[in-house]
Every structure is written in structure tokens, then in C-alpha cells.
Amino acid sequence: MKRAAFVILLIGAGGAGGALGSMIGAAFGKTALFAGGVIGGVIATPLAVVLAGTFGWIDRRAVKFAAIGATLGFLAAAAIAVNTLSSPVGPILATTLVPIGGLIGEQLARRSSAAA
């Protein structure tokens, strides 16, 4: 259940951060719309991981790695979404990269702490 909540939180945070950033950026032009979306997601995604660590959905020692992974996942998702705007499938499927990155980061943190 905690994994599902973590995944849903990351999908929501990436989407909400990107949407809010785009709305703010739109006031400054088309280029700022895209930049705002990226900046909003890059801010919201690690904050969501910290929140998940606070709720105990992930190990607190894994927050740093999970935040890095989720942020990299968001950046990859943003690149895919921007390049597939002509179809709703690309942007929708790209959102799954955010939690995938977060889960990979969490696993890397577990492995590094187990090896130490």
C-alpha cells in the first residue's frame, strides 16, 4: 500500500508542479510556459519525495536518492511529453517515469546502505 501511495504521490506531484509552473510561465510567453513547467516539476517532485519520507512511505535514508531519481524521471518525462504533444499517449505514459525514477533511486539507496 505504501508503494502505491508513493507512486501516486509522485505522478500527482510531477503533473501538478508542471501544470502550475506552466500556468505561471504562460504569463511571460510561450518559452516561459515550457520553462515554468519544467521548473515547477523540478521543485514539486523532490518535495513530494520528502513528504513520502515523512509519512514513512519510503525509508528516510533513501529520500536523497529517491528525490534525485524522481527528478531525473521528471526531466525525462518532460522531454518526452514536449516531443509528443501531437498525441495524448506520449505525455500520459511519460508521467510514469517520475515514480520509476523515484523507485530506482530508493532501490539504489537500499543497495548502497546494505553494501556499507
PDB file of N, CA and C in Angstrom:
ATOM      1  N   MET A   1       0.814  -1.198   0.000  1.00  0.00           N
ATOM      2  CA  MET A   1       0.000   0.000   0.000  1.00  0.00           C
ATOM      3  C   MET A   1       0.863   1.270   0.000  1.00  0.00           C
ATOM      4  N   LYS A   2       1.983   1.207   0.756  1.00  0.00           N
ATOM      5  CA  LYS A   2       2.864   2.367   0.806  1.00  0.00           C
ATOM      6  C   LYS A   2       3.495   2.643  -0.549  1.00  0.00           C
ATOM      7  N   ARG A   3       3.841   1.590  -1.282  1.00  0.00           N
ATOM      8  CA  ARG A   3       4.426   1.750  -2.617  1.00  0.00           C
ATOM      9  C   ARG A   3       3.427   2.422  -3.546  1.00  0.00           C
ATOM     10  N   ALA A   4       2.181   1.974  -3.507  1.00  0.00           N
ATOM     11  CA  ALA A   4       1.157   2.550  -4.377  1.00  0.00           C
ATOM     12  C   ALA A   4       0.948   4.028  -4.043  1.00  0.00           C
ATOM     13  N   ALA A   5       0.931   4.356  -2.766  1.00  0.00           N
ATOM     14  CA  ALA A   5       0.762   5.752  -2.360  1.00  0.00           C
ATOM     15  C   ALA A   5       1.945   6.593  -2.837  1.00  0.00           C
ATOM     16  N   PHE A   6       3.147   6.030  -2.741  1.00  0.00           N
ATOM     17  CA  PHE A   6       4.353   6.727  -3.196  1.00  0.00           C
ATOM     18  C   PHE A   6       4.284   6.995  -4.694  1.00  0.00           C
ATOM     19  N   VAL A   7       3.891   5.987  -5.466  1.00  0.00           N
ATOM     20  CA  VAL A   7       3.778   6.127  -6.921  1.00  0.00           C
ATOM     21  C   VAL A   7       2.731   7.178  -7.279  1.00  0.00           C
ATOM     22  N   ILE A   8       1.573   7.112  -6.659  1.00  0.00           N
ATOM     23  CA  ILE A   8       0.503   8.072  -6.948  1.00  0.00           C
ATOM     24  C   ILE A   8       0.923   9.486  -6.567  1.00  0.00           C
ATOM     25  N   LEU A   9       1.586   9.615  -5.416  1.00  0.00           N
ATOM     26  CA  LEU A   9       2.065  10.937  -4.991  1.00  0.00           C
ATOM     27  C   LEU A   9       3.038  11.522  -6.003  1.00  0.00           C
ATOM     28  N   LEU A  10       3.967  10.712  -6.499  1.00  0.00           N
ATOM     29  CA  LEU A  10       4.957  11.222  -7.450  1.00  0.00           C
ATOM     30  C   LEU A  10       4.330  11.581  -8.796  1.00  0.00           C
ATOM     31  N   ILE A  11       3.389  10.776  -9.260  1.00  0.00           N
ATOM     32  CA  ILE A  11       2.697  11.126 -10.509  1.00  0.00           C
ATOM     33  C   ILE A  11       1.949  12.444 -10.335  1.00  0.00           C
ATOM     34  N   GLY A  12       1.241  12.561  -9.223  1.00  0.00           N
ATOM     35  CA  GLY A  12       0.482  13.790  -8.961  1.00  0.00           C
ATOM     36  C   GLY A  12       1.366  15.005  -8.784  1.00  0.00           C
ATOM     37  N   ALA A  13       2.469  14.846  -8.064  1.00  0.00           N
ATOM     38  CA  ALA A  13       3.363  15.978  -7.822  1.00  0.00           C
ATOM     39  C   ALA A  13       4.030  16.448  -9.105  1.00  0.00           C
ATOM     40  N   GLY A  14       4.483  15.497  -9.915  1.00  0.00           N
ATOM     41  CA  GLY A  14       5.102  15.884 -11.185  1.00  0.00           C
ATOM     42  C   GLY A  14       4.122  16.606 -12.085  1.00  0.00           C
ATOM     43  N   GLY A  15       2.917  16.070 -12.175  1.00  0.00           N
ATOM     44  CA  GLY A  15       1.889  16.695 -13.007  1.00  0.00           C
ATOM     45  C   GLY A  15       1.441  18.049 -12.482  1.00  0.00           C
ATOM     46  N   ALA A  16       1.192  18.112 -11.178  1.00  0.00           N
ATOM     47  CA  ALA A  16       0.729  19.369 -10.584  1.00  0.00           C
ATOM     48  C   ALA A  16       1.814  20.441 -10.633  1.00  0.00           C
ATOM     49  N   GLY A  17       3.044  20.048 -10.326  1.00  0.00           N
ATOM     50  CA  GLY A  17       4.147  21.011 -10.383  1.00  0.00           C
ATOM     51  C   GLY A  17       4.366  21.525 -11.792  1.00  0.00           C
ATOM     52  N   GLY A  18       4.313  20.611 -12.761  1.00  0.00           N
ATOM     53  CA  GLY A  18       4.463  21.019 -14.157  1.00  0.00           C
ATOM     54  C   GLY A  18       3.331  21.916 -14.616  1.00  0.00           C
ATOM     55  N   ALA A  19       2.110  21.573 -14.224  1.00  0.00           N
ATOM     56  CA  ALA A  19       0.947  22.379 -14.624  1.00  0.00           C
ATOM     57  C   ALA A  19       0.979  23.766 -13.989  1.00  0.00           C
ATOM     58  N   LEU A  20       1.255  23.823 -12.693  1.00  0.00           N
ATOM     59  CA  LEU A  20       1.297  25.119 -12.014  1.00  0.00           C
ATOM     60  C   LEU A  20       2.420  25.990 -12.560  1.00  0.00           C
ATOM     61  N   GLY A  21       3.590  25.387 -12.770  1.00  0.00           N
ATOM     62  CA  GLY A  21       4.706  26.145 -13.344  1.00  0.00           C
ATOM     63  C   GLY A  21       4.399  26.657 -14.736  1.00  0.00           C
ATOM     64  N   SER A  22       3.700  25.832 -15.535  1.00  0.00           N
ATOM     65  CA  SER A  22       3.310  26.260 -16.880  1.00  0.00           C
ATOM     66  C   SER A  22       2.331  27.428 -16.829  1.00  0.00           C
ATOM     67  N   MET A  23       1.393  27.365 -15.908  1.00  0.00           N
ATOM     68  CA  MET A  23       0.414  28.452 -15.782  1.00  0.00           C
ATOM     69  C   MET A  23       1.092  29.767 -15.407  1.00  0.00           C
ATOM     70  N   ILE A  24       2.025  29.695 -14.487  1.00  0.00           N
ATOM     71  CA  ILE A  24       2.749  30.903 -14.088  1.00  0.00           C
ATOM     72  C   ILE A  24       3.618  31.391 -15.247  1.00  0.00           C
ATOM     73  N   GLY A  25       4.308  30.474 -15.894  1.00  0.00           N
ATOM     74  CA  GLY A  25       5.177  30.850 -17.007  1.00  0.00           C
ATOM     75  C   GLY A  25       4.426  31.399 -18.205  1.00  0.00           C
ATOM     76  N   ALA A  26       3.186  30.947 -18.412  1.00  0.00           N
ATOM     77  CA  ALA A  26       2.393  31.396 -19.559  1.00  0.00           C
ATOM     78  C   ALA A  26       2.189  32.902 -19.565  1.00  0.00           C
ATOM     79  N   ALA A  27       2.224  33.501 -18.404  1.00  0.00           N
ATOM     80  CA  ALA A  27       2.062  34.955 -18.320  1.00  0.00           C
ATOM     81  C   ALA A  27       3.236  35.695 -18.953  1.00  0.00           C
ATOM     82  N   PHE A  28       4.342  34.981 -19.163  1.00  0.00           N
ATOM     83  CA  PHE A  28       5.544  35.609 -19.695  1.00  0.00           C
ATOM     84  C   PHE A  28       5.894  35.166 -21.113  1.00  0.00           C
ATOM     85  N   GLY A  29       5.032  34.367 -21.735  1.00  0.00           N
ATOM     86  CA  GLY A  29       5.256  33.961 -23.119  1.00  0.00           C
ATOM     87  C   GLY A  29       5.383  32.456 -23.272  1.00  0.00           C
ATOM     88  N   LYS A  30       5.479  32.043 -24.541  1.00  0.00           N
ATOM     89  CA  LYS A  30       5.492  30.617 -24.863  1.00  0.00           C
ATOM     90  C   LYS A  30       6.724  29.899 -24.316  1.00  0.00           C
ATOM     91  N   THR A  31       7.893  30.507 -24.445  1.00  0.00           N
ATOM     92  CA  THR A  31       9.113  29.876 -23.932  1.00  0.00           C
ATOM     93  C   THR A  31       9.039  29.731 -22.420  1.00  0.00           C
ATOM     94  N   ALA A  32       8.546  30.753 -21.749  1.00  0.00           N
ATOM     95  CA  ALA A  32       8.423  30.700 -20.289  1.00  0.00           C
ATOM     96  C   ALA A  32       7.390  29.680 -19.855  1.00  0.00           C
ATOM     97  N   LEU A  33       6.406  29.416 -20.694  1.00  0.00           N
ATOM     98  CA  LEU A  33       5.408  28.393 -20.385  1.00  0.00           C
ATOM     99  C   LEU A  33       6.098  27.045 -20.210  1.00  0.00           C
ATOM    100  N   PHE A  34       6.953  26.669 -21.150  1.00  0.00           N
ATOM    101  CA  PHE A  34       7.663  25.399 -21.069  1.00  0.00           C
ATOM    102  C   PHE A  34       8.683  25.413 -19.932  1.00  0.00           C
ATOM    103  N   ALA A  35       9.426  26.498 -19.808  1.00  0.00           N
ATOM    104  CA  ALA A  35      10.416  26.595 -18.736  1.00  0.00           C
ATOM    105  C   ALA A  35       9.747  26.541 -17.366  1.00  0.00           C
ATOM    106  N   GLY A  36       8.625  27.220 -17.232  1.00  0.00           N
ATOM    107  CA  GLY A  36       7.891  27.199 -15.967  1.00  0.00           C
ATOM    108  C   GLY A  36       7.411  25.807 -15.611  1.00  0.00           C
ATOM    109  N   GLY A  37       6.961  25.064 -16.614  1.00  0.00           N
ATOM    110  CA  GLY A  37       6.528  23.695 -16.375  1.00  0.00           C
ATOM    111  C   GLY A  37       7.658  22.819 -15.859  1.00  0.00           C
ATOM    112  N   VAL A  38       8.815  22.958 -16.458  1.00  0.00           N
ATOM    113  CA  VAL A  38       9.974  22.169 -16.026  1.00  0.00           C
ATOM    114  C   VAL A  38      10.405  22.577 -14.620  1.00  0.00           C
ATOM    115  N   ILE A  39      10.489  23.869 -14.395  1.00  0.00           N
ATOM    116  CA  ILE A  39      10.909  24.348 -13.073  1.00  0.00           C
ATOM    117  C   ILE A  39       9.905  23.923 -11.999  1.00  0.00           C
ATOM    118  N   GLY A  40       8.623  24.035 -12.302  1.00  0.00           N
ATOM    119  CA  GLY A  40       7.598  23.630 -11.341  1.00  0.00           C
ATOM    120  C   GLY A  40       7.695  22.164 -10.978  1.00  0.00           C
ATOM    121  N   GLY A  41       7.911  21.317 -11.972  1.00  0.00           N
ATOM    122  CA  GLY A  41       8.061  19.888 -11.715  1.00  0.00           C
ATOM    123  C   GLY A  41       9.326  19.545 -10.960  1.00  0.00           C
ATOM    124  N   VAL A  42      10.406  20.248 -11.285  1.00  0.00           N
ATOM    125  CA  VAL A  42      11.689  20.002 -10.617  1.00  0.00           C
ATOM    126  C   VAL A  42      11.623  20.425  -9.147  1.00  0.00           C
ATOM    127  N   ILE A  43      10.777  21.378  -8.836  1.00  0.00           N
ATOM    128  CA  ILE A  43      10.583  21.783  -7.440  1.00  0.00           C
ATOM    129  C   ILE A  43       9.624  20.825  -6.728  1.00  0.00           C
ATOM    130  N   ALA A  44       8.512  20.492  -7.370  1.00  0.00           N
ATOM    131  CA  ALA A  44       7.475  19.684  -6.720  1.00  0.00           C
ATOM    132  C   ALA A  44       7.888  18.236  -6.504  1.00  0.00           C
ATOM    133  N   THR A  45       8.646  17.679  -7.425  1.00  0.00           N
ATOM    134  CA  THR A  45       8.986  16.259  -7.346  1.00  0.00           C
ATOM    135  C   THR A  45       9.823  15.917  -6.103  1.00  0.00           C
ATOM    136  N   PRO A  46      10.940  16.593  -5.842  1.00  0.00           N
ATOM    137  CA  PRO A  46      11.685  16.243  -4.626  1.00  0.00           C
ATOM    138  C   PRO A  46      10.924  16.578  -3.343  1.00  0.00           C
ATOM    139  N   LEU A  47      10.088  17.607  -3.389  1.00  0.00           N
ATOM    140  CA  LEU A  47       9.272  17.916  -2.210  1.00  0.00           C
ATOM    141  C   LEU A  47       8.310  16.766  -1.909  1.00  0.00           C
ATOM    142  N   ALA A  48       7.770  16.150  -2.952  1.00  0.00           N
ATOM    143  CA  ALA A  48       6.880  15.007  -2.768  1.00  0.00           C
ATOM    144  C   ALA A  48       7.631  13.826  -2.168  1.00  0.00           C
ATOM    145  N   VAL A  49       8.878  13.634  -2.574  1.00  0.00           N
ATOM    146  CA  VAL A  49       9.672  12.535  -2.017  1.00  0.00           C
ATOM    147  C   VAL A  49       9.939  12.781  -0.534  1.00  0.00           C
ATOM    148  N   VAL A  50      10.245  14.007  -0.172  1.00  0.00           N
ATOM    149  CA  VAL A  50      10.446  14.347   1.238  1.00  0.00           C
ATOM    150  C   VAL A  50       9.166  14.077   2.024  1.00  0.00           C
ATOM    151  N   LEU A  51       8.036  14.444   1.460  1.00  0.00           N
ATOM    152  CA  LEU A  51       6.745  14.194   2.098  1.00  0.00           C
ATOM    153  C   LEU A  51       6.521  12.690   2.283  1.00  0.00           C
ATOM    154  N   ALA A  52       6.855  11.905   1.273  1.00  0.00           N
ATOM    155  CA  ALA A  52       6.715  10.449   1.367  1.00  0.00           C
ATOM    156  C   ALA A  52       7.615   9.886   2.466  1.00  0.00           C
ATOM    157  N   GLY A  53       8.801  10.434   2.601  1.00  0.00           N
ATOM    158  CA  GLY A  53       9.693  10.011   3.683  1.00  0.00           C
ATOM    159  C   GLY A  53       9.133  10.368   5.043  1.00  0.00           C
ATOM    160  N   THR A  54       8.513  11.533   5.148  1.00  0.00           N
ATOM    161  CA  THR A  54       7.886  11.967   6.394  1.00  0.00           C
ATOM    162  C   THR A  54       6.721  11.058   6.771  1.00  0.00           C
ATOM    163  N   PHE A  55       5.948  10.639   5.783  1.00  0.00           N
ATOM    164  CA  PHE A  55       4.809   9.750   6.028  1.00  0.00           C
ATOM    165  C   PHE A  55       5.242   8.307   6.284  1.00  0.00           C
ATOM    166  N   GLY A  56       6.515   7.994   6.044  1.00  0.00           N
ATOM    167  CA  GLY A  56       7.002   6.640   6.222  1.00  0.00           C
ATOM    168  C   GLY A  56       6.734   5.727   5.039  1.00  0.00           C
ATOM    169  N   TRP A  57       6.421   6.307   3.888  1.00  0.00           N
ATOM    170  CA  TRP A  57       6.165   5.514   2.691  1.00  0.00           C
ATOM    171  C   TRP A  57       7.456   4.991   2.087  1.00  0.00           C
ATOM    172  N   ILE A  58       8.548   5.690   2.338  1.00  0.00           N
ATOM    173  CA  ILE A  58       9.872   5.207   1.945  1.00  0.00           C
ATOM    174  C   ILE A  58      10.797   5.416   3.139  1.00  0.00           C
ATOM    175  N   ASP A  59      11.900   4.696   3.148  1.00  0.00           N
ATOM    176  CA  ASP A  59      12.887   4.823   4.205  1.00  0.00           C
ATOM    177  C   ASP A  59      13.489   6.229   4.154  1.00  0.00           C
ATOM    178  N   ARG A  60      13.572   6.866   5.294  1.00  0.00           N
ATOM    179  CA  ARG A  60      14.099   8.239   5.332  1.00  0.00           C
ATOM    180  C   ARG A  60      15.530   8.324   4.819  1.00  0.00           C
ATOM    181  N   ARG A  61      16.287   7.246   4.965  1.00  0.00           N
ATOM    182  CA  ARG A  61      17.667   7.242   4.470  1.00  0.00           C
ATOM    183  C   ARG A  61      17.719   7.194   2.948  1.00  0.00           C
ATOM    184  N   ALA A  62      16.604   6.846   2.314  1.00  0.00           N
ATOM    185  CA  ALA A  62      16.557   6.742   0.854  1.00  0.00           C
ATOM    186  C   ALA A  62      16.002   8.001   0.198  1.00  0.00           C
ATOM    187  N   VAL A  63      15.620   8.994   0.978  1.00  0.00           N
ATOM    188  CA  VAL A  63      14.969  10.186   0.427  1.00  0.00           C
ATOM    189  C   VAL A  63      15.855  10.892  -0.593  1.00  0.00           C
ATOM    190  N   LYS A  64      17.126  11.041  -0.291  1.00  0.00           N
ATOM    191  CA  LYS A  64      18.024  11.769  -1.199  1.00  0.00           C
ATOM    192  C   LYS A  64      18.104  11.079  -2.562  1.00  0.00           C
ATOM    193  N   PHE A  65      18.355   9.779  -2.549  1.00  0.00           N
ATOM    194  CA  PHE A  65      18.462   9.035  -3.802  1.00  0.00           C
ATOM    195  C   PHE A  65      17.127   8.997  -4.552  1.00  0.00           C
ATOM    196  N   ALA A  66      16.041   8.809  -3.809  1.00  0.00           N
ATOM    197  CA  ALA A  66      14.721   8.763  -4.438  1.00  0.00           C
ATOM    198  C   ALA A  66      14.365  10.118  -5.048  1.00  0.00           C
ATOM    199  N   ALA A  67      14.737  11.199  -4.370  1.00  0.00           N
ATOM    200  CA  ALA A  67      14.459  12.536  -4.903  1.00  0.00           C
ATOM    201  C   ALA A  67      15.246  12.789  -6.184  1.00  0.00           C
ATOM    202  N   ILE A  68      16.488  12.365  -6.204  1.00  0.00           N
ATOM    203  CA  ILE A  68      17.305  12.529  -7.413  1.00  0.00           C
ATOM    204  C   ILE A  68      16.713  11.698  -8.549  1.00  0.00           C
ATOM    205  N   GLY A  69      16.358  10.457  -8.261  1.00  0.00           N
ATOM    206  CA  GLY A  69      15.775   9.587  -9.281  1.00  0.00           C
ATOM    207  C   GLY A  69      14.454  10.116  -9.817  1.00  0.00           C
ATOM    208  N   ALA A  70      13.591  10.583  -8.909  1.00  0.00           N
ATOM    209  CA  ALA A  70      12.294  11.107  -9.339  1.00  0.00           C
ATOM    210  C   ALA A  70      12.462  12.378 -10.165  1.00  0.00           C
ATOM    211  N   THR A  71      13.398  13.216  -9.794  1.00  0.00           N
ATOM    212  CA  THR A  71      13.645  14.444 -10.552  1.00  0.00           C
ATOM    213  C   THR A  71      14.189  14.126 -11.940  1.00  0.00           C
ATOM    214  N   LEU A  72      15.103  13.177 -12.024  1.00  0.00           N
ATOM    215  CA  LEU A  72      15.601  12.762 -13.338  1.00  0.00           C
ATOM    216  C   LEU A  72      14.478  12.144 -14.167  1.00  0.00           C
ATOM    217  N   GLY A  73      13.612  11.379 -13.513  1.00  0.00           N
ATOM    218  CA  GLY A  73      12.444  10.821 -14.195  1.00  0.00           C
ATOM    219  C   GLY A  73      11.519  11.905 -14.707  1.00  0.00           C
ATOM    220  N   PHE A  74      11.342  12.962 -13.905  1.00  0.00           N
ATOM    221  CA  PHE A  74      10.505  14.071 -14.356  1.00  0.00           C
ATOM    222  C   PHE A  74      11.126  14.759 -15.564  1.00  0.00           C
ATOM    223  N   LEU A  75      12.420  14.989 -15.533  1.00  0.00           N
ATOM    224  CA  LEU A  75      13.080  15.646 -16.665  1.00  0.00           C
ATOM    225  C   LEU A  75      12.951  14.815 -17.937  1.00  0.00           C
ATOM    226  N   ALA A  76      13.093  13.501 -17.815  1.00  0.00           N
ATOM    227  CA  ALA A  76      12.911  12.626 -18.979  1.00  0.00           C
ATOM    228  C   ALA A  76      11.459  12.673 -19.453  1.00  0.00           C
ATOM    229  N   ALA A  77      10.526  12.666 -18.512  1.00  0.00           N
ATOM    230  CA  ALA A  77       9.102  12.734 -18.861  1.00  0.00           C
ATOM    231  C   ALA A  77       8.774  14.042 -19.568  1.00  0.00           C
ATOM    232  N   ALA A  78       9.357  15.139 -19.096  1.00  0.00           N
ATOM    233  CA  ALA A  78       9.113  16.437 -19.721  1.00  0.00           C
ATOM    234  C   ALA A  78       9.640  16.453 -21.151  1.00  0.00           C
ATOM    235  N   ALA A  79      10.818  15.888 -21.355  1.00  0.00           N
ATOM    236  CA  ALA A  79      11.383  15.841 -22.709  1.00  0.00           C
ATOM    237  C   ALA A  79      10.506  15.013 -23.643  1.00  0.00           C
ATOM    238  N   ILE A  80      10.023  13.888 -23.162  1.00  0.00           N
ATOM    239  CA  ILE A  80       9.151  13.046 -23.985  1.00  0.00           C
ATOM    240  C   ILE A  80       7.819  13.746 -24.239  1.00  0.00           C
ATOM    241  N   ALA A  81       7.247  14.336 -23.199  1.00  0.00           N
ATOM    242  CA  ALA A  81       5.940  14.994 -23.341  1.00  0.00           C
ATOM    243  C   ALA A  81       5.999  16.133 -24.352  1.00  0.00           C
ATOM    244  N   VAL A  82       7.042  16.936 -24.290  1.00  0.00           N
ATOM    245  CA  VAL A  82       7.163  18.075 -25.208  1.00  0.00           C
ATOM    246  C   VAL A  82       7.306  17.594 -26.646  1.00  0.00           C
ATOM    247  N   ASN A  83       7.961  16.472 -26.846  1.00  0.00           N
ATOM    248  CA  ASN A  83       8.182  15.963 -28.198  1.00  0.00           C
ATOM    249  C   ASN A  83       7.047  15.099 -28.722  1.00  0.00           C
ATOM    250  N   THR A  84       6.042  14.833 -27.898  1.00  0.00           N
ATOM    251  CA  THR A  84       4.906  14.018 -28.346  1.00  0.00           C
ATOM    252  C   THR A  84       3.578  14.719 -28.071  1.00  0.00           C
ATOM    253  N   LEU A  85       3.589  16.033 -28.143  1.00  0.00           N
ATOM    254  CA  LEU A  85       2.370  16.803 -27.845  1.00  0.00           C
ATOM    255  C   LEU A  85       1.235  16.561 -28.838  1.00  0.00           C
ATOM    256  N   SER A  86       1.552  16.047 -30.007  1.00  0.00           N
ATOM    257  CA  SER A  86       0.507  15.825 -31.014  1.00  0.00           C
ATOM    258  C   SER A  86      -0.397  14.646 -30.646  1.00  0.00           C
ATOM    259  N   SER A  87       0.008  13.852 -29.693  1.00  0.00           N
ATOM    260  CA  SER A  87      -0.778  12.704 -29.253  1.00  0.00           C
ATOM    261  C   SER A  87      -0.862  12.712 -27.728  1.00  0.00           C
ATOM    262  N   PRO A  88      -1.993  12.359 -27.155  1.00  0.00           N
ATOM    263  CA  PRO A  88      -2.079  12.329 -25.692  1.00  0.00           C
ATOM    264  C   PRO A  88      -1.350  11.139 -25.068  1.00  0.00           C
ATOM    265  N   VAL A  89      -1.039  10.140 -25.872  1.00  0.00           N
ATOM    266  CA  VAL A  89      -0.432   8.923 -25.337  1.00  0.00           C
ATOM    267  C   VAL A  89       0.961   9.186 -24.776  1.00  0.00           C
ATOM    268  N   GLY A  90       1.800   9.890 -25.506  1.00  0.00           N
ATOM    269  CA  GLY A  90       3.172  10.163 -25.062  1.00  0.00           C
ATOM    270  C   GLY A  90       3.223  10.892 -23.739  1.00  0.00           C
ATOM    271  N   PRO A  91       2.568  12.042 -23.618  1.00  0.00           N
ATOM    272  CA  PRO A  91       2.603  12.752 -22.343  1.00  0.00           C
ATOM    273  C   PRO A  91       2.007  11.957 -21.178  1.00  0.00           C
ATOM    274  N   ILE A  92       0.957  11.196 -21.439  1.00  0.00           N
ATOM    275  CA  ILE A  92       0.342  10.424 -20.351  1.00  0.00           C
ATOM    276  C   ILE A  92       1.282   9.315 -19.881  1.00  0.00           C
ATOM    277  N   LEU A  93       1.839   8.567 -20.826  1.00  0.00           N
ATOM    278  CA  LEU A  93       2.756   7.493 -20.446  1.00  0.00           C
ATOM    279  C   LEU A  93       4.056   8.025 -19.848  1.00  0.00           C
ATOM    280  N   ALA A  94       4.474   9.204 -20.269  1.00  0.00           N
ATOM    281  CA  ALA A  94       5.718   9.778 -19.758  1.00  0.00           C
ATOM    282  C   ALA A  94       5.645  10.046 -18.255  1.00  0.00           C
ATOM    283  N   THR A  95       4.444  10.299 -17.743  1.00  0.00           N
ATOM    284  CA  THR A  95       4.316  10.581 -16.310  1.00  0.00           C
ATOM    285  C   THR A  95       4.749   9.404 -15.446  1.00  0.00           C
ATOM    286  N   THR A  96       4.745   8.201 -16.000  1.00  0.00           N
ATOM    287  CA  THR A  96       5.174   7.041 -15.221  1.00  0.00           C
ATOM    288  C   THR A  96       6.682   7.047 -14.966  1.00  0.00           C
ATOM    289  N   LEU A  97       7.425   7.859 -15.698  1.00  0.00           N
ATOM    290  CA  LEU A  97       8.869   7.921 -15.489  1.00  0.00           C
ATOM    291  C   LEU A  97       9.239   8.562 -14.152  1.00  0.00           C
ATOM    292  N   VAL A  98       8.363   9.406 -13.626  1.00  0.00           N
ATOM    293  CA  VAL A  98       8.656  10.067 -12.349  1.00  0.00           C
ATOM    294  C   VAL A  98       8.720   9.032 -11.215  1.00  0.00           C
ATOM    295  N   PRO A  99       7.675   8.229 -10.995  1.00  0.00           N
ATOM    296  CA  PRO A  99       7.796   7.234  -9.924  1.00  0.00           C
ATOM    297  C   PRO A  99       8.804   6.131 -10.230  1.00  0.00           C
ATOM    298  N   ILE A 100       8.988   5.813 -11.496  1.00  0.00           N
ATOM    299  CA  ILE A 100      10.001   4.806 -11.834  1.00  0.00           C
ATOM    300  C   ILE A 100      11.372   5.304 -11.384  1.00  0.00           C
ATOM    301  N   GLY A 101      11.677   6.561 -11.673  1.00  0.00           N
ATOM    302  CA  GLY A 101      12.947   7.142 -11.222  1.00  0.00           C
ATOM    303  C   GLY A 101      13.061   7.166  -9.712  1.00  0.00           C
ATOM    304  N   GLY A 102      11.963   7.507  -9.036  1.00  0.00           N
ATOM    305  CA  GLY A 102      11.968   7.528  -7.574  1.00  0.00           C
ATOM    306  C   GLY A 102      12.189   6.147  -6.980  1.00  0.00           C
ATOM    307  N   LEU A 103      11.536   5.139  -7.546  1.00  0.00           N
ATOM    308  CA  LEU A 103      11.699   3.772  -7.050  1.00  0.00           C
ATOM    309  C   LEU A 103      13.105   3.238  -7.318  1.00  0.00           C
ATOM    310  N   ILE A 104      13.659   3.574  -8.482  1.00  0.00           N
ATOM    311  CA  ILE A 104      15.037   3.165  -8.773  1.00  0.00           C
ATOM    312  C   ILE A 104      16.001   3.826  -7.788  1.00  0.00           C
ATOM    313  N   GLY A 105      15.801   5.112  -7.531  1.00  0.00           N
ATOM    314  CA  GLY A 105      16.643   5.812  -6.563  1.00  0.00           C
ATOM    315  C   GLY A 105      16.551   5.200  -5.178  1.00  0.00           C
ATOM    316  N   GLU A 106      15.354   4.829  -4.779  1.00  0.00           N
ATOM    317  CA  GLU A 106      15.178   4.195  -3.470  1.00  0.00           C
ATOM    318  C   GLU A 106      15.910   2.856  -3.413  1.00  0.00           C
ATOM    319  N   GLN A 107      15.806   2.068  -4.470  1.00  0.00           N
ATOM    320  CA  GLN A 107      16.497   0.778  -4.510  1.00  0.00           C
ATOM    321  C   GLN A 107      18.015   0.948  -4.473  1.00  0.00           C
ATOM    322  N   LEU A 108      18.518   1.955  -5.179  1.00  0.00           N
ATOM    323  CA  LEU A 108      19.958   2.219  -5.150  1.00  0.00           C
ATOM    324  C   LEU A 108      20.416   2.598  -3.743  1.00  0.00           C
ATOM    325  N   ALA A 109      19.587   3.360  -3.032  1.00  0.00           N
ATOM    326  CA  ALA A 109      19.923   3.731  -1.655  1.00  0.00           C
ATOM    327  C   ALA A 109      19.954   2.502  -0.760  1.00  0.00           C
ATOM    328  N   ARG A 110      19.005   1.590  -0.952  1.00  0.00           N
ATOM    329  CA  ARG A 110      18.984   0.356  -0.150  1.00  0.00           C
ATOM    330  C   ARG A 110      20.222  -0.483  -0.418  1.00  0.00           C
ATOM    331  N   ARG A 111      20.577  -0.608  -1.685  1.00  0.00           N
ATOM    332  CA  ARG A 111      21.745  -1.420  -2.039  1.00  0.00           C
ATOM    333  C   ARG A 111      23.034  -0.811  -1.496  1.00  0.00           C
ATOM    334  N   SER A 112      23.142   0.523  -1.575  1.00  0.00           N
ATOM    335  CA  SER A 112      24.372   1.159  -1.082  1.00  0.00           C
ATOM    336  C   SER A 112      24.466   1.064   0.433  1.00  0.00           C
ATOM    337  N   SER A 113      23.335   1.124   1.134  1.00  0.00           N
ATOM    338  CA  SER A 113      23.384   1.005   2.589  1.00  0.00           C
ATOM    339  C   SER A 113      23.623  -0.445   3.006  1.00  0.00           C
ATOM    340  N   ALA A 114      23.152  -1.404   2.206  1.00  0.00           N
ATOM    341  CA  ALA A 114      23.388  -2.818   2.504  1.00  0.00           C
ATOM    342  C   ALA A 114      24.842  -3.204   2.256  1.00  0.00           C
ATOM    343  N   ALA A 115      25.466  -2.562   1.262  1.00  0.00           N
ATOM    344  CA  ALA A 115      26.852  -2.865   0.923  1.00  0.00           C
ATOM    345  C   ALA A 115      27.821  -2.241   1.908  1.00  0.00           C
ATOM    346  N   ALA A 116      27.384  -1.210   2.620  1.00  0.00           N
ATOM    347  CA  ALA A 116      28.291  -0.488   3.525  1.00  0.00           C
ATOM    348  C   ALA A 116      28.491  -1.176   4.844  1.00  0.00           C
TER     349      ALA A 116
END
